[in-house]
C-alpha atoms as a PDB file:
ATOM      1  CA  MET A   1      26.393  -1.490  10.057  1.00  0.00           C
ATOM      2  CA  SER A   2      23.288   0.395   9.066  1.00  0.00           C
ATOM      3  CA  ARG A   3      21.628  -0.938   5.938  1.00  0.00           C
ATOM      4  CA  GLY A   4      21.049   2.607   4.694  1.00  0.00           C
ATOM      5  CA  VAL A   5      18.164   3.845   2.611  1.00  0.00           C
ATOM      6  CA  THR A   6      19.511   2.577  -0.743  1.00  0.00           C
ATOM      7  CA  ASN A   7      19.504  -1.080   0.248  1.00  0.00           C
ATOM      8  CA  THR A   8      17.040  -3.362  -1.534  1.00  0.00           C
ATOM      9  CA  LEU A   9      15.761  -4.610   1.819  1.00  0.00           C
ATOM     10  CA  PRO A  10      12.696  -2.822   3.226  1.00  0.00           C
ATOM     11  CA  GLN A  11      13.470   0.357   5.133  1.00  0.00           C
ATOM     12  CA  ARG A  12      12.974  -0.258   8.826  1.00  0.00           C
ATOM     13  CA  VAL A  13      10.701   2.371  10.360  1.00  0.00           C
ATOM     14  CA  ILE A  14      10.057   3.164  14.005  1.00  0.00           C
ATOM     15  CA  ALA A  15       7.228   5.590  14.743  1.00  0.00           C
ATOM     16  CA  TYR A  16       7.587   7.960  17.688  1.00  0.00           C
ATOM     17  CA  VAL A  17       4.190   9.378  18.577  1.00  0.00           C
ATOM     18  CA  ASP A  18       3.747  12.498  20.705  1.00  0.00           C
ATOM     19  CA  GLY A  19       0.370  11.624  22.229  1.00  0.00           C
ATOM     20  CA  PHE A  20      -0.641  15.072  23.441  1.00  0.00           C
ATOM     21  CA  ASN A  21       0.532  16.867  20.310  1.00  0.00           C
ATOM     22  CA  LEU A  22      -1.608  14.490  18.270  1.00  0.00           C
ATOM     23  CA  TYR A  23      -4.577  14.757  20.642  1.00  0.00           C
ATOM     24  CA  TYR A  24      -4.631  18.547  20.708  1.00  0.00           C
ATOM     25  CA  GLY A  25      -4.269  18.687  16.952  1.00  0.00           C
ATOM     26  CA  LEU A  26      -7.399  16.568  16.612  1.00  0.00           C
ATOM     27  CA  LYS A  27      -9.134  18.631  19.290  1.00  0.00           C
ATOM     28  CA  ASP A  28      -8.392  21.930  17.560  1.00  0.00           C
ATOM     29  CA  LYS A  29      -9.901  20.537  14.359  1.00  0.00           C
ATOM     30  CA  GLY A  30     -13.005  19.402  16.234  1.00  0.00           C
ATOM     31  CA  TRP A  31     -12.354  15.785  15.260  1.00  0.00           C
ATOM     32  CA  ARG A  32     -13.515  14.120  18.472  1.00  0.00           C
ATOM     33  CA  ARG A  33     -14.659  11.048  16.565  1.00  0.00           C
ATOM     34  CA  TYR A  34     -11.016  10.321  15.783  1.00  0.00           C
ATOM     35  CA  TYR A  35      -9.727  10.315  19.363  1.00  0.00           C
ATOM     36  CA  TRP A  36     -10.310   6.534  19.406  1.00  0.00           C
ATOM     37  CA  LEU A  37      -7.177   5.965  17.325  1.00  0.00           C
ATOM     38  CA  ASN A  38      -5.340   2.750  16.669  1.00  0.00           C
ATOM     39  CA  ILE A  39      -1.872   4.280  16.940  1.00  0.00           C
ATOM     40  CA  PRO A  40       0.146   1.424  15.335  1.00  0.00           C
ATOM     41  CA  LEU A  41      -2.368   1.278  12.477  1.00  0.00           C
ATOM     42  CA  LEU A  42      -2.030   5.020  11.979  1.00  0.00           C
ATOM     43  CA  ALA A  43       1.744   4.624  11.677  1.00  0.00           C
ATOM     44  CA  GLN A  44       1.288   1.669   9.320  1.00  0.00           C
ATOM     45  CA  ASN A  45      -1.070   3.639   7.106  1.00  0.00           C
ATOM     46  CA  ILE A  46       1.508   6.428   6.785  1.00  0.00           C
ATOM     47  CA  LEU A  47       4.247   4.150   5.432  1.00  0.00           C
ATOM     48  CA  LYS A  48       5.346   4.245   1.825  1.00  0.00           C
ATOM     49  CA  PRO A  49       5.964   1.176  -0.362  1.00  0.00           C
ATOM     50  CA  GLY A  50       9.241  -0.487   0.522  1.00  0.00           C
ATOM     51  CA  GLN A  51       9.001   0.402   4.204  1.00  0.00           C
ATOM     52  CA  GLU A  52       8.398  -1.905   7.168  1.00  0.00           C
ATOM     53  CA  LEU A  53       7.072  -0.782  10.549  1.00  0.00           C
ATOM     54  CA  ILE A  54       9.346  -2.260  13.209  1.00  0.00           C
ATOM     55  CA  ALA A  55       7.768  -0.647  16.272  1.00  0.00           C
ATOM     56  CA  THR A  56       5.459   2.132  17.384  1.00  0.00           C
ATOM     57  CA  LYS A  57       6.384   4.089  20.499  1.00  0.00           C
ATOM     58  CA  TYR A  58       3.654   6.172  22.111  1.00  0.00           C
ATOM     59  CA  PHE A  59       4.502   8.939  24.572  1.00  0.00           C
ATOM     60  CA  THR A  60       1.942  10.476  26.916  1.00  0.00           C
ATOM     61  CA  ALA A  61       1.100  11.210  30.557  1.00  0.00           C
ATOM     62  CA  ARG A  62      -1.893  10.165  32.592  1.00  0.00           C
ATOM     63  CA  VAL A  63      -4.279  12.984  33.480  1.00  0.00           C
ATOM     64  CA  SER A  64      -5.536  13.138  37.069  1.00  0.00           C
ATOM     65  CA  SER A  65      -8.635  15.291  36.643  1.00  0.00           C
ATOM     66  CA  PRO A  66     -11.433  15.847  35.934  1.00  0.00           C
ATOM     67  CA  PRO A  67     -12.676  12.297  36.668  1.00  0.00           C
ATOM     68  CA  GLU A  68     -14.581  11.902  33.403  1.00  0.00           C
ATOM     69  CA  LYS A  69     -11.550  12.892  31.339  1.00  0.00           C
ATOM     70  CA  GLN A  70      -9.335  10.575  33.382  1.00  0.00           C
ATOM     71  CA  LYS A  71     -11.761   7.703  32.744  1.00  0.00           C
ATOM     72  CA  ARG A  72     -11.858   8.317  28.983  1.00  0.00           C
ATOM     73  CA  GLN A  73      -8.076   8.458  28.769  1.00  0.00           C
ATOM     74  CA  SER A  74      -7.639   5.323  30.895  1.00  0.00           C
ATOM     75  CA  THR A  75     -10.041   3.418  28.644  1.00  0.00           C
ATOM     76  CA  PHE A  76      -8.121   4.552  25.573  1.00  0.00           C
ATOM     77  CA  LEU A  77      -4.722   3.645  27.042  1.00  0.00           C
ATOM     78  CA  GLU A  78      -6.000   0.231  28.107  1.00  0.00           C
ATOM     79  CA  ALA A  79      -7.239  -0.301  24.560  1.00  0.00           C
ATOM     80  CA  LEU A  80      -3.829   0.569  23.150  1.00  0.00           C
ATOM     81  CA  GLU A  81      -2.147  -1.815  25.569  1.00  0.00           C
ATOM     82  CA  THR A  82      -4.081  -4.720  24.018  1.00  0.00           C
ATOM     83  CA  LEU A  83      -2.383  -4.121  20.662  1.00  0.00           C
ATOM     84  CA  THR A  84       0.815  -5.710  19.443  1.00  0.00           C
ATOM     85  CA  GLY A  85       3.770  -3.693  18.228  1.00  0.00           C
ATOM     86  CA  ILE A  86       3.287  -0.714  20.529  1.00  0.00           C
ATOM     87  CA  GLU A  87       5.376   0.460  23.481  1.00  0.00           C
ATOM     88  CA  MET A  88       4.016   3.002  25.963  1.00  0.00           C
ATOM     89  CA  PHE A  89       6.157   5.651  27.624  1.00  0.00           C
ATOM     90  CA  TYR A  90       4.693   7.816  30.390  1.00  0.00           C
ATOM     91  CA  GLY A  91       5.699  11.244  31.559  1.00  0.00           C
ATOM     92  CA  HIS A  92       3.907  13.117  34.318  1.00  0.00           C
ATOM     93  CA  TYR A  93       2.030  16.286  35.118  1.00  0.00           C
ATOM     94  CA  GLN A  94       3.578  19.111  37.085  1.00  0.00           C
ATOM     95  CA  LEU A  95       1.489  21.795  38.775  1.00  0.00           C
ATOM     96  CA  ASN A  96       2.751  25.284  37.966  1.00  0.00           C
ATOM     97  CA  PRO A  97       1.493  28.436  39.709  1.00  0.00           C
ATOM     98  CA  ARG A  98      -0.774  30.631  37.596  1.00  0.00           C
ATOM     99  CA  ARG A  99      -2.078  34.127  38.316  1.00  0.00           C
ATOM    100  CA  CYS A 100      -4.713  36.149  36.496  1.00  0.00           C
ATOM    101  CA  HIS A 101      -3.278  39.589  35.691  1.00  0.00           C
ATOM    102  CA  LYS A 102      -6.747  41.167  35.665  1.00  0.00           C
ATOM    103  CA  CYS A 103      -8.309  39.906  38.875  1.00  0.00           C
ATOM    104  CA  GLY A 104      -5.294  38.558  40.771  1.00  0.00           C
ATOM    105  CA  TYR A 105      -6.820  35.067  41.166  1.00  0.00           C
ATOM    106  CA  GLU A 106      -4.163  32.420  41.724  1.00  0.00           C
ATOM    107  CA  ASP A 107      -4.324  28.694  41.111  1.00  0.00           C
ATOM    108  CA  GLN A 108      -2.192  25.914  39.661  1.00  0.00           C
ATOM    109  CA  GLU A 109      -2.030  24.848  36.025  1.00  0.00           C
ATOM    110  CA  PRO A 110      -1.058  21.255  35.173  1.00  0.00           C
ATOM    111  CA  LYS A 111       1.700  20.951  32.551  1.00  0.00           C
ATOM    112  CA  GLU A 112       2.662  17.702  30.892  1.00  0.00           C
ATOM    113  CA  LYS A 113       6.361  16.911  31.372  1.00  0.00           C
ATOM    114  CA  MET A 114       8.977  14.542  29.949  1.00  0.00           C
ATOM    115  CA  THR A 115       7.364  13.594  26.623  1.00  0.00           C
ATOM    116  CA  ASP A 116       9.956  15.415  24.505  1.00  0.00           C
ATOM    117  CA  VAL A 117      12.808  14.087  26.671  1.00  0.00           C
ATOM    118  CA  ASN A 118      11.491  10.524  26.472  1.00  0.00           C
ATOM    119  CA  ILE A 119      11.161  10.752  22.701  1.00  0.00           C
ATOM    120  CA  ALA A 120      14.688  12.170  22.398  1.00  0.00           C
ATOM    121  CA  VAL A 121      16.154   9.353  24.495  1.00  0.00           C
ATOM    122  CA  GLU A 122      14.422   6.626  22.486  1.00  0.00           C
ATOM    123  CA  LEU A 123      15.232   8.290  19.158  1.00  0.00           C
ATOM    124  CA  LEU A 124      18.948   8.381  19.944  1.00  0.00           C
ATOM    125  CA  ARG A 125      19.052   5.012  21.708  1.00  0.00           C
ATOM    126  CA  ASP A 126      17.417   3.280  18.748  1.00  0.00           C
ATOM    127  CA  ALA A 127      19.755   5.034  16.327  1.00  0.00           C
ATOM    128  CA  TYR A 128      22.830   3.860  18.266  1.00  0.00           C
ATOM    129  CA  ASP A 129      21.408   0.330  18.383  1.00  0.00           C
ATOM    130  CA  ASP A 130      20.709   0.535  14.621  1.00  0.00           C
ATOM    131  CA  LYS A 131      17.053  -0.388  15.018  1.00  0.00           C
ATOM    132  CA  TYR A 132      15.699   1.813  12.243  1.00  0.00           C
ATOM    133  CA  ASP A 133      16.531   3.337   8.893  1.00  0.00           C
ATOM    134  CA  VAL A 134      13.702   5.899   9.130  1.00  0.00           C
ATOM    135  CA  ALA A 135      12.454   7.594  12.283  1.00  0.00           C
ATOM    136  CA  LEU A 136       8.838   8.699  11.822  1.00  0.00           C
ATOM    137  CA  LEU A 137       8.104  11.551  14.240  1.00  0.00           C
ATOM    138  CA  ILE A 138       4.383  12.091  14.668  1.00  0.00           C
ATOM    139  CA  SER A 139       4.665  15.462  16.332  1.00  0.00           C
ATOM    140  CA  ALA A 140       5.162  19.165  15.663  1.00  0.00           C
ATOM    141  CA  ASP A 141       7.137  19.854  18.824  1.00  0.00           C
ATOM    142  CA  SER A 142      10.194  21.993  18.071  1.00  0.00           C
ATOM    143  CA  ASP A 143      11.880  20.544  21.185  1.00  0.00           C
ATOM    144  CA  LEU A 144      12.566  17.491  19.016  1.00  0.00           C
ATOM    145  CA  VAL A 145      14.871  19.499  16.739  1.00  0.00           C
ATOM    146  CA  PRO A 146      18.109  18.936  18.772  1.00  0.00           C
ATOM    147  CA  PRO A 147      17.829  15.123  18.940  1.00  0.00           C
ATOM    148  CA  SER A 148      16.785  15.022  15.276  1.00  0.00           C
ATOM    149  CA  LYS A 149      19.874  17.050  14.344  1.00  0.00           C
ATOM    150  CA  ALA A 150      22.040  14.732  16.418  1.00  0.00           C
ATOM    151  CA  VAL A 151      20.711  11.683  14.577  1.00  0.00           C
ATOM    152  CA  THR A 152      21.306  13.214  11.142  1.00  0.00           C
ATOM    153  CA  GLU A 153      24.840  14.292  12.081  1.00  0.00           C
ATOM    154  CA  LEU A 154      25.900  11.061  13.782  1.00  0.00           C
ATOM    155  CA  PHE A 155      24.080   8.687  11.425  1.00  0.00           C
ATOM    156  CA  PRO A 156      24.019  10.246   7.929  1.00  0.00           C
ATOM    157  CA  HIS A 157      22.276   7.231   6.389  1.00  0.00           C
ATOM    158  CA  LYS A 158      19.291   7.439   8.717  1.00  0.00           C
ATOM    159  CA  ARG A 159      16.305   9.617   7.849  1.00  0.00           C
ATOM    160  CA  ILE A 160      14.028  11.723  10.006  1.00  0.00           C
ATOM    161  CA  VAL A 161      10.483  12.160   8.701  1.00  0.00           C
ATOM    162  CA  ALA A 162       8.110  14.545  10.460  1.00  0.00           C
ATOM    163  CA  ALA A 163       4.413  13.699  10.211  1.00  0.00           C
ATOM    164  CA  PHE A 164       2.602  16.744  11.562  1.00  0.00           C
ATOM    165  CA  PRO A 165      -0.717  16.127  13.352  1.00  0.00           C
ATOM    166  CA  PRO A 166      -3.760  18.037  12.093  1.00  0.00           C
ATOM    167  CA  ASN A 167      -3.576  21.766  12.822  1.00  0.00           C
ATOM    168  CA  ARG A 168       0.038  21.459  13.973  1.00  0.00           C
ATOM    169  CA  TYR A 169       3.264  22.602  12.321  1.00  0.00           C
ATOM    170  CA  SER A 170       6.853  23.362  13.287  1.00  0.00           C
ATOM    171  CA  PHE A 171       9.035  25.299  10.862  1.00  0.00           C
ATOM    172  CA  ALA A 172      12.142  24.327  12.849  1.00  0.00           C
ATOM    173  CA  LEU A 173      11.306  20.612  12.742  1.00  0.00           C
ATOM    174  CA  ASP A 174      10.401  20.900   9.070  1.00  0.00           C
ATOM    175  CA  GLU A 175      13.842  22.389   8.398  1.00  0.00           C
ATOM    176  CA  VAL A 176      15.805  19.608  10.082  1.00  0.00           C
ATOM    177  CA  ALA A 177      13.713  16.662   8.842  1.00  0.00           C
ATOM    178  CA  HIS A 178      14.537  14.924   5.573  1.00  0.00           C
ATOM    179  CA  ALA A 179      10.828  15.002   4.707  1.00  0.00           C
ATOM    180  CA  SER A 180       7.633  16.270   6.281  1.00  0.00           C
ATOM    181  CA  PHE A 181       3.890  16.303   5.667  1.00  0.00           C
ATOM    182  CA  HIS A 182       0.568  16.763   7.441  1.00  0.00           C
ATOM    183  CA  ILE A 183      -1.424  13.680   8.383  1.00  0.00           C
ATOM    184  CA  GLY A 184      -4.632  13.882   6.392  1.00  0.00           C
ATOM    185  CA  ARG A 185      -8.144  13.170   7.558  1.00  0.00           C
ATOM    186  CA  GLY A 186      -8.441  10.161   5.264  1.00  0.00           C
ATOM    187  CA  ILE A 187      -5.514   8.348   6.874  1.00  0.00           C
ATOM    188  CA  ILE A 188      -6.838   9.116  10.350  1.00  0.00           C
ATOM    189  CA  ALA A 189     -10.339   7.899   9.471  1.00  0.00           C
ATOM    190  CA  ARG A 190      -8.869   4.563   8.337  1.00  0.00           C
ATOM    191  CA  SER A 191      -6.909   4.147  11.579  1.00  0.00           C
ATOM    192  CA  LEU A 192      -9.555   3.750  14.279  1.00  0.00           C
ATOM    193  CA  LEU A 193      -9.825   1.087  16.940  1.00  0.00           C
ATOM    194  CA  LEU A 194     -12.726  -1.351  16.990  1.00  0.00           C
ATOM    195  CA  GLU A 195     -15.810   0.002  18.740  1.00  0.00           C
ATOM    196  CA  GLU A 196     -15.423  -2.698  21.398  1.00  0.00           C
ATOM    197  CA  ILE A 197     -12.202  -4.375  22.487  1.00  0.00           C
ATOM    198  CA  VAL A 198     -12.158  -7.493  24.646  1.00  0.00           C
ATOM    199  CA  LYS A 199      -9.211  -7.780  27.026  1.00  0.00           C
ATOM    200  CA  THR A 200      -7.597 -11.094  27.940  1.00  0.00           C
ATOM    201  CA  ASP A 201      -9.501 -11.106  31.249  1.00  0.00           C
ATOM    202  CA  GLY A 202     -12.814 -10.749  29.410  1.00  0.00           C
ATOM    203  CA  ALA A 203     -13.341  -7.072  30.248  1.00  0.00           C
ATOM    204  CA  ILE A 204     -14.801  -5.029  27.403  1.00  0.00           C
ATOM    205  CA  LEU A 205     -13.456  -1.607  26.499  1.00  0.00           C
ATOM    206  CA  ARG A 206     -15.819   0.650  24.554  1.00  0.00           C
ATOM    207  CA  ARG A 207     -15.272   3.886  22.724  1.00  0.00           C
ATOM    208  CA  PRO A 208     -16.463   6.731  25.001  1.00  0.00           C
ATOM    209  CA  ASP A 209     -19.846   8.082  23.909  1.00  0.00           C
ATOM    210  CA  SER A 210     -18.509  11.630  23.647  1.00  0.00           C
ATOM    211  CA  TRP A 211     -15.917  10.421  21.119  1.00  0.00           C
ATOM    212  CA  ARG A 212     -18.524   9.530  18.506  1.00  0.00           C
END
């Protein structure tokens, strides 16, 4: 039986983080220095008194080009994998045809796939397994509205909280969530990884120079 939100025990929170939605929000704000984010710490810093972070689930896809961007992302993902309390879920990129209406030039545009589906699956699976009292969605993707509605209808005592990344907002997600807010710069600034991270094999991961 779910403990519900009125129980005196701490509310169990699982954070579901839409990696690209968060990244592009930071990018649009010009906050490159904050790309080097400690994702579980960010979720922890968002919590309110009386809440306990049970897990942080991070959803993304590996980029394949250009090489320098691929290297920066790989370094960041390796850094995240050294942390405790985080699970990584990977989608993929799909090449879609693209044509310029002015000049007729044709090429292929990579589109990230499966993040919203992966989040939906985990959100519902964890609700059925009664792993959380509060689902913290760090995203502004309106595709998350249907699974959020399903959780609120099937599990009335569970809460959906939408934490919108900088420069991101979804009216539809705002409407279905029990609460919503924008993640402020102060919280983000307090949630960075160490400048250097030493892996178990002795390898050192450093924040990319362009992320300073």
